[in-house]
Amino acid sequence: MALHILTIVHVIISLLAIASGFVVMAAMVRGEARHPWTAFFLAMTVATSATGFLFPIKGFTPALAFGVISLIVLALAIHALRSKQLAGDWKKTYIISALFAQYLNVFVLVVQMFQKIPPLKALAPTQSEPPFGIAQGIVLIVFLWTGFRALKRPKPDLTPAS
């Protein structure tokens, strides 16, 4: 029963992280600050990775690797945002690391969708079929485009409010 509750909580936190991450991504592209969303996105994404480690572990898995990478990237994003106040190149560091953390969330979402949603599972039962690759390719292109647009902005207004 506890595992079932943990799964539900983890999924809810993950979906909140992803939804708020898209708000933050849109703000980055526009060069606008979204301070409450940014803090919520970072907190929910940290919580997503952290709660992932609470599941029973049977050896080192890709899920654990994603969790470790995500927490490292998030630490960098939070450091750039809070400690360095996005000064100089820390703004680029923040944009890249926050987008990468969101990309990892969405990558895992697509994996889960192809595992759990019957029509998608039928299209790619082993996740080595073209529909899965195409879906992940589209996700990657969207994130690369977003990163390019956010970094192309001369001076994105991403500094946190005082």
N, C-alpha and C. Protein backbone atom coordinates (compact mmCIF):
# COMPACT_ATOMS: atom_id res chain seq x y z
N MET A 1 0.81 -1.20 0.00
CA MET A 1 0.00 0.00 0.00
C MET A 1 0.86 1.26 0.00
N ALA A 2 1.94 1.26 0.79
CA ALA A 2 2.83 2.43 0.85
C ALA A 2 3.48 2.69 -0.50
N LEU A 3 3.83 1.63 -1.21
CA LEU A 3 4.43 1.78 -2.54
C LEU A 3 3.43 2.40 -3.51
N HIS A 4 2.18 2.02 -3.39
CA HIS A 4 1.13 2.58 -4.25
C HIS A 4 0.98 4.08 -3.99
N ILE A 5 0.99 4.47 -2.72
CA ILE A 5 0.88 5.89 -2.35
C ILE A 5 2.10 6.65 -2.84
N LEU A 6 3.28 6.07 -2.65
CA LEU A 6 4.51 6.70 -3.14
C LEU A 6 4.45 6.92 -4.65
N THR A 7 3.96 5.95 -5.36
CA THR A 7 3.85 6.06 -6.82
C THR A 7 2.93 7.21 -7.21
N ILE A 8 1.78 7.29 -6.55
CA ILE A 8 0.83 8.36 -6.86
C ILE A 8 1.45 9.73 -6.56
N VAL A 9 2.07 9.86 -5.40
CA VAL A 9 2.71 11.13 -5.03
C VAL A 9 3.82 11.48 -6.02
N HIS A 10 4.64 10.51 -6.36
CA HIS A 10 5.74 10.73 -7.31
C HIS A 10 5.21 11.19 -8.66
N VAL A 11 4.16 10.56 -9.14
CA VAL A 11 3.58 10.92 -10.44
C VAL A 11 3.01 12.34 -10.39
N ILE A 12 2.30 12.67 -9.33
CA ILE A 12 1.73 14.02 -9.21
C ILE A 12 2.84 15.07 -9.18
N ILE A 13 3.87 14.83 -8.38
CA ILE A 13 5.00 15.76 -8.30
C ILE A 13 5.66 15.89 -9.68
N SER A 14 5.85 14.78 -10.36
CA SER A 14 6.48 14.80 -11.68
C SER A 14 5.66 15.62 -12.68
N LEU A 15 4.35 15.42 -12.67
CA LEU A 15 3.50 16.17 -13.60
C LEU A 15 3.48 17.66 -13.27
N LEU A 16 3.51 18.00 -11.99
CA LEU A 16 3.61 19.41 -11.60
C LEU A 16 4.94 20.01 -12.05
N ALA A 17 6.02 19.24 -11.91
CA ALA A 17 7.33 19.71 -12.36
C ALA A 17 7.33 19.95 -13.86
N ILE A 18 6.78 19.02 -14.61
CA ILE A 18 6.76 19.15 -16.07
C ILE A 18 5.90 20.33 -16.50
N ALA A 19 4.70 20.45 -15.93
CA ALA A 19 3.81 21.55 -16.31
C ALA A 19 4.44 22.91 -16.00
N SER A 20 4.98 23.04 -14.80
CA SER A 20 5.61 24.31 -14.44
C SER A 20 6.88 24.54 -15.25
N GLY A 21 7.56 23.47 -15.61
CA GLY A 21 8.75 23.59 -16.46
C GLY A 21 8.42 24.17 -17.83
N PHE A 22 7.26 23.80 -18.37
CA PHE A 22 6.86 24.38 -19.65
C PHE A 22 6.57 25.87 -19.53
N VAL A 23 6.02 26.29 -18.39
CA VAL A 23 5.79 27.72 -18.16
C VAL A 23 7.14 28.45 -18.10
N VAL A 24 8.10 27.86 -17.40
CA VAL A 24 9.43 28.46 -17.29
C VAL A 24 10.12 28.50 -18.66
N MET A 25 9.97 27.43 -19.44
CA MET A 25 10.56 27.41 -20.79
C MET A 25 10.00 28.54 -21.65
N ALA A 26 8.69 28.71 -21.62
CA ALA A 26 8.07 29.78 -22.40
C ALA A 26 8.57 31.15 -21.96
N ALA A 27 8.72 31.32 -20.65
CA ALA A 27 9.23 32.59 -20.13
C ALA A 27 10.66 32.83 -20.60
N MET A 28 11.48 31.78 -20.61
CA MET A 28 12.85 31.92 -21.08
C MET A 28 12.89 32.38 -22.54
N VAL A 29 12.05 31.79 -23.36
CA VAL A 29 12.03 32.14 -24.78
C VAL A 29 11.62 33.60 -24.96
N ARG A 30 10.70 34.06 -24.13
CA ARG A 30 10.25 35.46 -24.21
C ARG A 30 11.21 36.41 -23.50
N GLY A 31 12.16 35.87 -22.77
CA GLY A 31 13.08 36.71 -22.02
C GLY A 31 12.44 37.33 -20.79
N GLU A 32 11.37 36.71 -20.30
CA GLU A 32 10.63 37.24 -19.15
C GLU A 32 10.96 36.47 -17.87
N ALA A 33 10.87 37.17 -16.77
CA ALA A 33 11.05 36.53 -15.48
C ALA A 33 9.73 35.91 -15.04
N ARG A 34 9.81 34.72 -14.49
CA ARG A 34 8.64 34.04 -13.93
C ARG A 34 9.08 33.46 -12.58
N HIS A 35 9.38 34.33 -11.67
CA HIS A 35 10.00 33.90 -10.41
C HIS A 35 9.21 32.85 -9.63
N PRO A 36 7.93 33.03 -9.40
CA PRO A 36 7.21 31.99 -8.65
C PRO A 36 7.21 30.65 -9.39
N TRP A 37 7.05 30.68 -10.69
CA TRP A 37 7.05 29.44 -11.46
C TRP A 37 8.43 28.81 -11.46
N THR A 38 9.46 29.63 -11.54
CA THR A 38 10.82 29.09 -11.55
C THR A 38 11.12 28.36 -10.25
N ALA A 39 10.81 28.97 -9.14
CA ALA A 39 11.06 28.34 -7.84
C ALA A 39 10.24 27.06 -7.70
N PHE A 40 8.98 27.10 -8.14
CA PHE A 40 8.12 25.93 -8.06
C PHE A 40 8.64 24.82 -8.97
N PHE A 41 9.03 25.18 -10.18
CA PHE A 41 9.59 24.20 -11.12
C PHE A 41 10.83 23.53 -10.52
N LEU A 42 11.75 24.31 -10.02
CA LEU A 42 12.97 23.74 -9.46
C LEU A 42 12.66 22.86 -8.25
N ALA A 43 11.78 23.31 -7.39
CA ALA A 43 11.43 22.52 -6.20
C ALA A 43 10.75 21.20 -6.59
N MET A 44 9.81 21.27 -7.52
CA MET A 44 9.11 20.06 -7.94
C MET A 44 10.02 19.09 -8.68
N THR A 45 10.97 19.63 -9.44
CA THR A 45 11.89 18.77 -10.18
C THR A 45 12.88 18.10 -9.23
N VAL A 46 13.33 18.83 -8.22
CA VAL A 46 14.17 18.21 -7.18
C VAL A 46 13.36 17.13 -6.47
N ALA A 47 12.12 17.43 -6.13
CA ALA A 47 11.26 16.45 -5.44
C ALA A 47 11.01 15.22 -6.31
N THR A 48 10.85 15.42 -7.61
CA THR A 48 10.67 14.29 -8.53
C THR A 48 11.87 13.35 -8.46
N SER A 49 13.05 13.93 -8.59
CA SER A 49 14.26 13.10 -8.55
C SER A 49 14.44 12.45 -7.19
N ALA A 50 14.23 13.22 -6.13
CA ALA A 50 14.42 12.69 -4.77
C ALA A 50 13.45 11.56 -4.46
N THR A 51 12.18 11.73 -4.82
CA THR A 51 11.22 10.66 -4.52
C THR A 51 11.48 9.42 -5.37
N GLY A 52 12.12 9.59 -6.50
CA GLY A 52 12.48 8.43 -7.31
C GLY A 52 13.42 7.48 -6.59
N PHE A 53 14.22 8.00 -5.68
CA PHE A 53 15.16 7.16 -4.93
C PHE A 53 14.48 6.39 -3.79
N LEU A 54 13.22 6.70 -3.52
CA LEU A 54 12.50 6.01 -2.45
C LEU A 54 11.90 4.69 -2.90
N PHE A 55 11.88 4.44 -4.21
CA PHE A 55 11.35 3.18 -4.71
C PHE A 55 12.36 2.06 -4.44
N PRO A 56 11.88 0.83 -4.34
CA PRO A 56 12.81 -0.29 -4.12
C PRO A 56 13.88 -0.33 -5.22
N ILE A 57 15.12 -0.44 -4.79
CA ILE A 57 16.25 -0.41 -5.72
C ILE A 57 16.81 -1.82 -5.87
N LYS A 58 16.92 -2.24 -7.12
CA LYS A 58 17.48 -3.57 -7.41
C LYS A 58 18.64 -3.40 -8.39
N GLY A 59 19.68 -2.74 -7.94
CA GLY A 59 20.82 -2.48 -8.80
C GLY A 59 20.72 -1.12 -9.44
N PHE A 60 21.80 -0.73 -10.10
CA PHE A 60 21.85 0.58 -10.75
C PHE A 60 21.09 0.50 -12.07
N THR A 61 20.07 1.33 -12.22
CA THR A 61 19.20 1.30 -13.40
C THR A 61 19.29 2.64 -14.14
N PRO A 62 18.78 2.70 -15.36
CA PRO A 62 18.72 3.99 -16.06
C PRO A 62 17.93 5.04 -15.27
N ALA A 63 16.89 4.61 -14.56
CA ALA A 63 16.11 5.55 -13.75
C ALA A 63 16.98 6.18 -12.66
N LEU A 64 17.81 5.39 -12.03
CA LEU A 64 18.72 5.94 -11.01
C LEU A 64 19.74 6.89 -11.64
N ALA A 65 20.25 6.52 -12.79
CA ALA A 65 21.21 7.39 -13.49
C ALA A 65 20.55 8.74 -13.82
N PHE A 66 19.32 8.70 -14.31
CA PHE A 66 18.61 9.95 -14.63
C PHE A 66 18.41 10.77 -13.36
N GLY A 67 18.09 10.11 -12.25
CA GLY A 67 17.90 10.82 -10.99
C GLY A 67 19.17 11.51 -10.52
N VAL A 68 20.28 10.82 -10.61
CA VAL A 68 21.57 11.39 -10.19
C VAL A 68 21.93 12.57 -11.09
N ILE A 69 21.84 12.36 -12.40
CA ILE A 69 22.17 13.43 -13.36
C ILE A 69 21.25 14.63 -13.13
N SER A 70 19.97 14.37 -12.95
CA SER A 70 19.02 15.46 -12.74
C SER A 70 19.36 16.27 -11.50
N LEU A 71 19.68 15.60 -10.40
CA LEU A 71 20.01 16.33 -9.17
C LEU A 71 21.29 17.15 -9.32
N ILE A 72 22.25 16.64 -10.06
CA ILE A 72 23.49 17.42 -10.30
C ILE A 72 23.18 18.65 -11.13
N VAL A 73 22.42 18.47 -12.19
CA VAL A 73 22.06 19.58 -13.08
C VAL A 73 21.21 20.60 -12.32
N LEU A 74 20.30 20.12 -11.50
CA LEU A 74 19.46 21.02 -10.72
C LEU A 74 20.28 21.81 -9.69
N ALA A 75 21.26 21.17 -9.08
CA ALA A 75 22.14 21.88 -8.15
C ALA A 75 22.86 23.02 -8.86
N LEU A 76 23.28 22.75 -10.08
CA LEU A 76 23.95 23.79 -10.88
C LEU A 76 22.98 24.92 -11.21
N ALA A 77 21.76 24.58 -11.61
CA ALA A 77 20.76 25.60 -11.94
C ALA A 77 20.43 26.46 -10.72
N ILE A 78 20.23 25.82 -9.59
CA ILE A 78 19.89 26.55 -8.37
C ILE A 78 21.06 27.43 -7.93
N HIS A 79 22.27 26.92 -8.04
CA HIS A 79 23.46 27.72 -7.70
C HIS A 79 23.55 28.94 -8.60
N ALA A 80 23.36 28.75 -9.90
CA ALA A 80 23.43 29.86 -10.85
C ALA A 80 22.36 30.90 -10.55
N LEU A 81 21.18 30.44 -10.21
CA LEU A 81 20.05 31.33 -9.97
C LEU A 81 20.15 32.04 -8.63
N ARG A 82 20.37 31.28 -7.58
CA ARG A 82 20.32 31.85 -6.22
C ARG A 82 21.65 32.43 -5.75
N SER A 83 22.72 31.67 -5.89
CA SER A 83 24.01 32.14 -5.37
C SER A 83 24.69 33.14 -6.30
N LYS A 84 24.65 32.87 -7.58
CA LYS A 84 25.35 33.72 -8.54
C LYS A 84 24.45 34.79 -9.15
N GLN A 85 23.14 34.73 -8.84
CA GLN A 85 22.18 35.74 -9.32
C GLN A 85 22.23 35.93 -10.84
N LEU A 86 22.59 34.88 -11.55
CA LEU A 86 22.64 34.87 -13.02
C LEU A 86 23.60 35.90 -13.60
N ALA A 87 24.61 36.26 -12.82
CA ALA A 87 25.58 37.23 -13.29
C ALA A 87 26.49 36.62 -14.36
N GLY A 88 26.77 37.38 -15.38
CA GLY A 88 27.67 36.94 -16.45
C GLY A 88 27.21 35.65 -17.10
N ASP A 89 28.15 34.71 -17.23
CA ASP A 89 27.85 33.43 -17.88
C ASP A 89 26.96 32.52 -17.04
N TRP A 90 26.70 32.87 -15.79
CA TRP A 90 25.83 32.06 -14.95
C TRP A 90 24.39 32.06 -15.49
N LYS A 91 24.04 33.11 -16.25
CA LYS A 91 22.71 33.14 -16.86
C LYS A 91 22.59 32.01 -17.88
N LYS A 92 23.63 31.84 -18.70
CA LYS A 92 23.63 30.74 -19.68
C LYS A 92 23.64 29.39 -18.96
N THR A 93 24.43 29.31 -17.91
CA THR A 93 24.49 28.07 -17.14
C THR A 93 23.11 27.71 -16.60
N TYR A 94 22.42 28.71 -16.08
CA TYR A 94 21.07 28.48 -15.55
C TYR A 94 20.13 28.00 -16.65
N ILE A 95 20.11 28.70 -17.76
CA ILE A 95 19.20 28.36 -18.86
C ILE A 95 19.45 26.93 -19.33
N ILE A 96 20.71 26.61 -19.57
CA ILE A 96 21.05 25.27 -20.08
C ILE A 96 20.72 24.19 -19.06
N SER A 97 21.08 24.42 -17.81
CA SER A 97 20.85 23.37 -16.80
C SER A 97 19.36 23.22 -16.48
N ALA A 98 18.62 24.31 -16.41
CA ALA A 98 17.18 24.21 -16.14
C ALA A 98 16.47 23.51 -17.30
N LEU A 99 16.84 23.87 -18.53
CA LEU A 99 16.25 23.21 -19.69
C LEU A 99 16.61 21.73 -19.74
N PHE A 100 17.84 21.40 -19.38
CA PHE A 100 18.25 20.01 -19.39
C PHE A 100 17.48 19.20 -18.34
N ALA A 101 17.26 19.80 -17.17
CA ALA A 101 16.47 19.11 -16.14
C ALA A 101 15.05 18.87 -16.63
N GLN A 102 14.48 19.86 -17.29
CA GLN A 102 13.13 19.69 -17.83
C GLN A 102 13.12 18.64 -18.96
N TYR A 103 14.17 18.65 -19.77
CA TYR A 103 14.27 17.65 -20.84
C TYR A 103 14.28 16.23 -20.25
N LEU A 104 15.04 16.03 -19.19
CA LEU A 104 15.08 14.71 -18.55
C LEU A 104 13.69 14.31 -18.06
N ASN A 105 12.97 15.27 -17.48
CA ASN A 105 11.60 14.98 -17.02
C ASN A 105 10.71 14.55 -18.18
N VAL A 106 10.78 15.28 -19.27
CA VAL A 106 9.92 15.00 -20.42
C VAL A 106 10.34 13.70 -21.10
N PHE A 107 11.64 13.45 -21.16
CA PHE A 107 12.13 12.19 -21.73
C PHE A 107 11.51 11.01 -20.97
N VAL A 108 11.57 11.08 -19.65
CA VAL A 108 11.01 10.01 -18.82
C VAL A 108 9.49 9.95 -18.99
N LEU A 109 8.83 11.09 -19.13
CA LEU A 109 7.39 11.10 -19.36
C LEU A 109 7.04 10.33 -20.64
N VAL A 110 7.80 10.57 -21.70
CA VAL A 110 7.54 9.86 -22.96
C VAL A 110 7.78 8.36 -22.78
N VAL A 111 8.84 7.99 -22.09
CA VAL A 111 9.10 6.57 -21.81
C VAL A 111 7.91 5.97 -21.07
N GLN A 112 7.45 6.64 -20.03
CA GLN A 112 6.33 6.13 -19.24
C GLN A 112 5.05 6.04 -20.07
N MET A 113 4.83 7.02 -20.93
CA MET A 113 3.63 6.99 -21.77
C MET A 113 3.66 5.77 -22.70
N PHE A 114 4.82 5.48 -23.28
CA PHE A 114 4.92 4.34 -24.16
C PHE A 114 4.86 3.01 -23.40
N GLN A 115 5.12 3.04 -22.10
CA GLN A 115 5.00 1.83 -21.29
C GLN A 115 3.58 1.63 -20.76
N LYS A 116 2.87 2.73 -20.47
CA LYS A 116 1.61 2.63 -19.73
C LYS A 116 0.35 2.86 -20.57
N ILE A 117 0.43 3.56 -21.67
CA ILE A 117 -0.75 3.86 -22.48
C ILE A 117 -0.87 2.82 -23.59
N PRO A 118 -1.90 1.98 -23.54
CA PRO A 118 -2.01 0.85 -24.46
C PRO A 118 -1.81 1.16 -25.95
N PRO A 119 -2.42 2.22 -26.51
CA PRO A 119 -2.18 2.48 -27.93
C PRO A 119 -0.71 2.81 -28.26
N LEU A 120 -0.05 3.52 -27.34
CA LEU A 120 1.37 3.83 -27.56
C LEU A 120 2.22 2.59 -27.36
N LYS A 121 1.88 1.80 -26.37
CA LYS A 121 2.61 0.55 -26.13
C LYS A 121 2.50 -0.38 -27.35
N ALA A 122 1.34 -0.38 -27.99
CA ALA A 122 1.14 -1.20 -29.19
C ALA A 122 2.01 -0.71 -30.35
N LEU A 123 2.23 0.59 -30.40
CA LEU A 123 3.08 1.17 -31.46
C LEU A 123 4.56 0.85 -31.26
N ALA A 124 4.97 0.78 -29.98
CA ALA A 124 6.39 0.56 -29.68
C ALA A 124 6.52 -0.27 -28.41
N PRO A 125 6.22 -1.57 -28.50
CA PRO A 125 6.22 -2.41 -27.29
C PRO A 125 7.59 -2.54 -26.62
N THR A 126 8.67 -2.45 -27.37
CA THR A 126 10.01 -2.57 -26.78
C THR A 126 10.73 -1.22 -26.70
N GLN A 127 10.08 -0.18 -27.16
CA GLN A 127 10.64 1.18 -27.22
C GLN A 127 11.88 1.26 -28.10
N SER A 128 12.01 0.32 -29.00
CA SER A 128 13.09 0.39 -29.99
C SER A 128 12.50 0.59 -31.39
N GLU A 129 11.18 0.75 -31.45
CA GLU A 129 10.50 0.94 -32.72
C GLU A 129 10.50 2.41 -33.13
N PRO A 130 10.33 2.69 -34.42
CA PRO A 130 10.36 4.08 -34.92
C PRO A 130 9.42 5.06 -34.22
N PRO A 131 8.18 4.71 -33.86
CA PRO A 131 7.34 5.73 -33.21
C PRO A 131 7.94 6.28 -31.92
N PHE A 132 8.59 5.41 -31.15
CA PHE A 132 9.22 5.86 -29.91
C PHE A 132 10.39 6.79 -30.25
N GLY A 133 11.21 6.40 -31.19
CA GLY A 133 12.35 7.23 -31.59
C GLY A 133 11.90 8.57 -32.15
N ILE A 134 10.84 8.55 -32.93
CA ILE A 134 10.32 9.80 -33.50
C ILE A 134 9.81 10.71 -32.39
N ALA A 135 9.08 10.15 -31.45
CA ALA A 135 8.56 10.95 -30.33
C ALA A 135 9.71 11.58 -29.54
N GLN A 136 10.72 10.78 -29.23
CA GLN A 136 11.86 11.31 -28.47
C GLN A 136 12.66 12.31 -29.31
N GLY A 137 12.73 12.08 -30.61
CA GLY A 137 13.41 13.02 -31.50
C GLY A 137 12.71 14.37 -31.52
N ILE A 138 11.39 14.35 -31.56
CA ILE A 138 10.62 15.60 -31.54
C ILE A 138 10.86 16.33 -30.22
N VAL A 139 10.86 15.60 -29.11
CA VAL A 139 11.12 16.20 -27.81
C VAL A 139 12.50 16.87 -27.81
N LEU A 140 13.49 16.18 -28.31
CA LEU A 140 14.85 16.73 -28.35
C LEU A 140 14.90 18.00 -29.20
N ILE A 141 14.27 17.98 -30.36
CA ILE A 141 14.26 19.15 -31.25
C ILE A 141 13.59 20.34 -30.56
N VAL A 142 12.47 20.10 -29.88
CA VAL A 142 11.78 21.18 -29.17
C VAL A 142 12.69 21.80 -28.11
N PHE A 143 13.41 20.96 -27.38
CA PHE A 143 14.29 21.48 -26.34
C PHE A 143 15.51 22.19 -26.91
N LEU A 144 16.06 21.69 -27.99
CA LEU A 144 17.19 22.38 -28.63
C LEU A 144 16.74 23.74 -29.16
N TRP A 145 15.57 23.77 -29.79
CA TRP A 145 15.04 25.03 -30.31
C TRP A 145 14.82 26.02 -29.17
N THR A 146 14.21 25.54 -28.08
CA THR A 146 13.94 26.39 -26.93
C THR A 146 15.24 26.95 -26.35
N GLY A 147 16.24 26.08 -26.19
CA GLY A 147 17.52 26.52 -25.67
C GLY A 147 18.17 27.55 -26.57
N PHE A 148 18.12 27.31 -27.86
CA PHE A 148 18.69 28.27 -28.83
C PHE A 148 17.99 29.61 -28.71
N ARG A 149 16.67 29.59 -28.67
CA ARG A 149 15.90 30.84 -28.58
C ARG A 149 16.18 31.56 -27.25
N ALA A 150 16.23 30.83 -26.17
CA ALA A 150 16.46 31.46 -24.86
C ALA A 150 17.85 32.05 -24.77
N LEU A 151 18.84 31.34 -25.32
CA LEU A 151 20.21 31.83 -25.27
C LEU A 151 20.46 32.95 -26.27
N LYS A 152 19.66 33.00 -27.32
CA LYS A 152 19.82 34.02 -28.35
C LYS A 152 19.37 35.39 -27.86
N ARG A 153 18.50 35.41 -26.89
CA ARG A 153 18.04 36.67 -26.34
C ARG A 153 19.24 37.48 -25.86
N PRO A 154 19.31 38.77 -26.22
CA PRO A 154 20.46 39.56 -25.79
C PRO A 154 20.61 39.62 -24.27
N LYS A 155 19.53 39.88 -23.56
CA LYS A 155 19.60 39.97 -22.11
C LYS A 155 18.29 39.42 -21.54
N PRO A 156 18.19 38.09 -21.44
CA PRO A 156 16.95 37.54 -20.88
C PRO A 156 16.76 38.04 -19.45
N ASP A 157 15.55 38.48 -19.15
CA ASP A 157 15.22 38.97 -17.82
C ASP A 157 14.84 37.78 -16.96
N LEU A 158 15.84 37.09 -16.42
CA LEU A 158 15.58 35.92 -15.61
C LEU A 158 16.04 36.11 -14.16
N THR A 159 16.48 37.31 -13.83
CA THR A 159 16.98 37.50 -12.47
C THR A 159 15.85 37.43 -11.47
N PRO A 160 16.11 36.80 -10.33
CA PRO A 160 15.05 36.66 -9.33
C PRO A 160 14.70 38.00 -8.70
N ALA A 161 13.46 38.13 -8.30
CA ALA A 161 13.01 39.37 -7.64
C ALA A 161 13.64 39.46 -6.25
N SER A 162 13.90 40.65 -5.83
CA SER A 162 14.50 40.85 -4.50
C SER A 162 13.45 40.87 -3.43
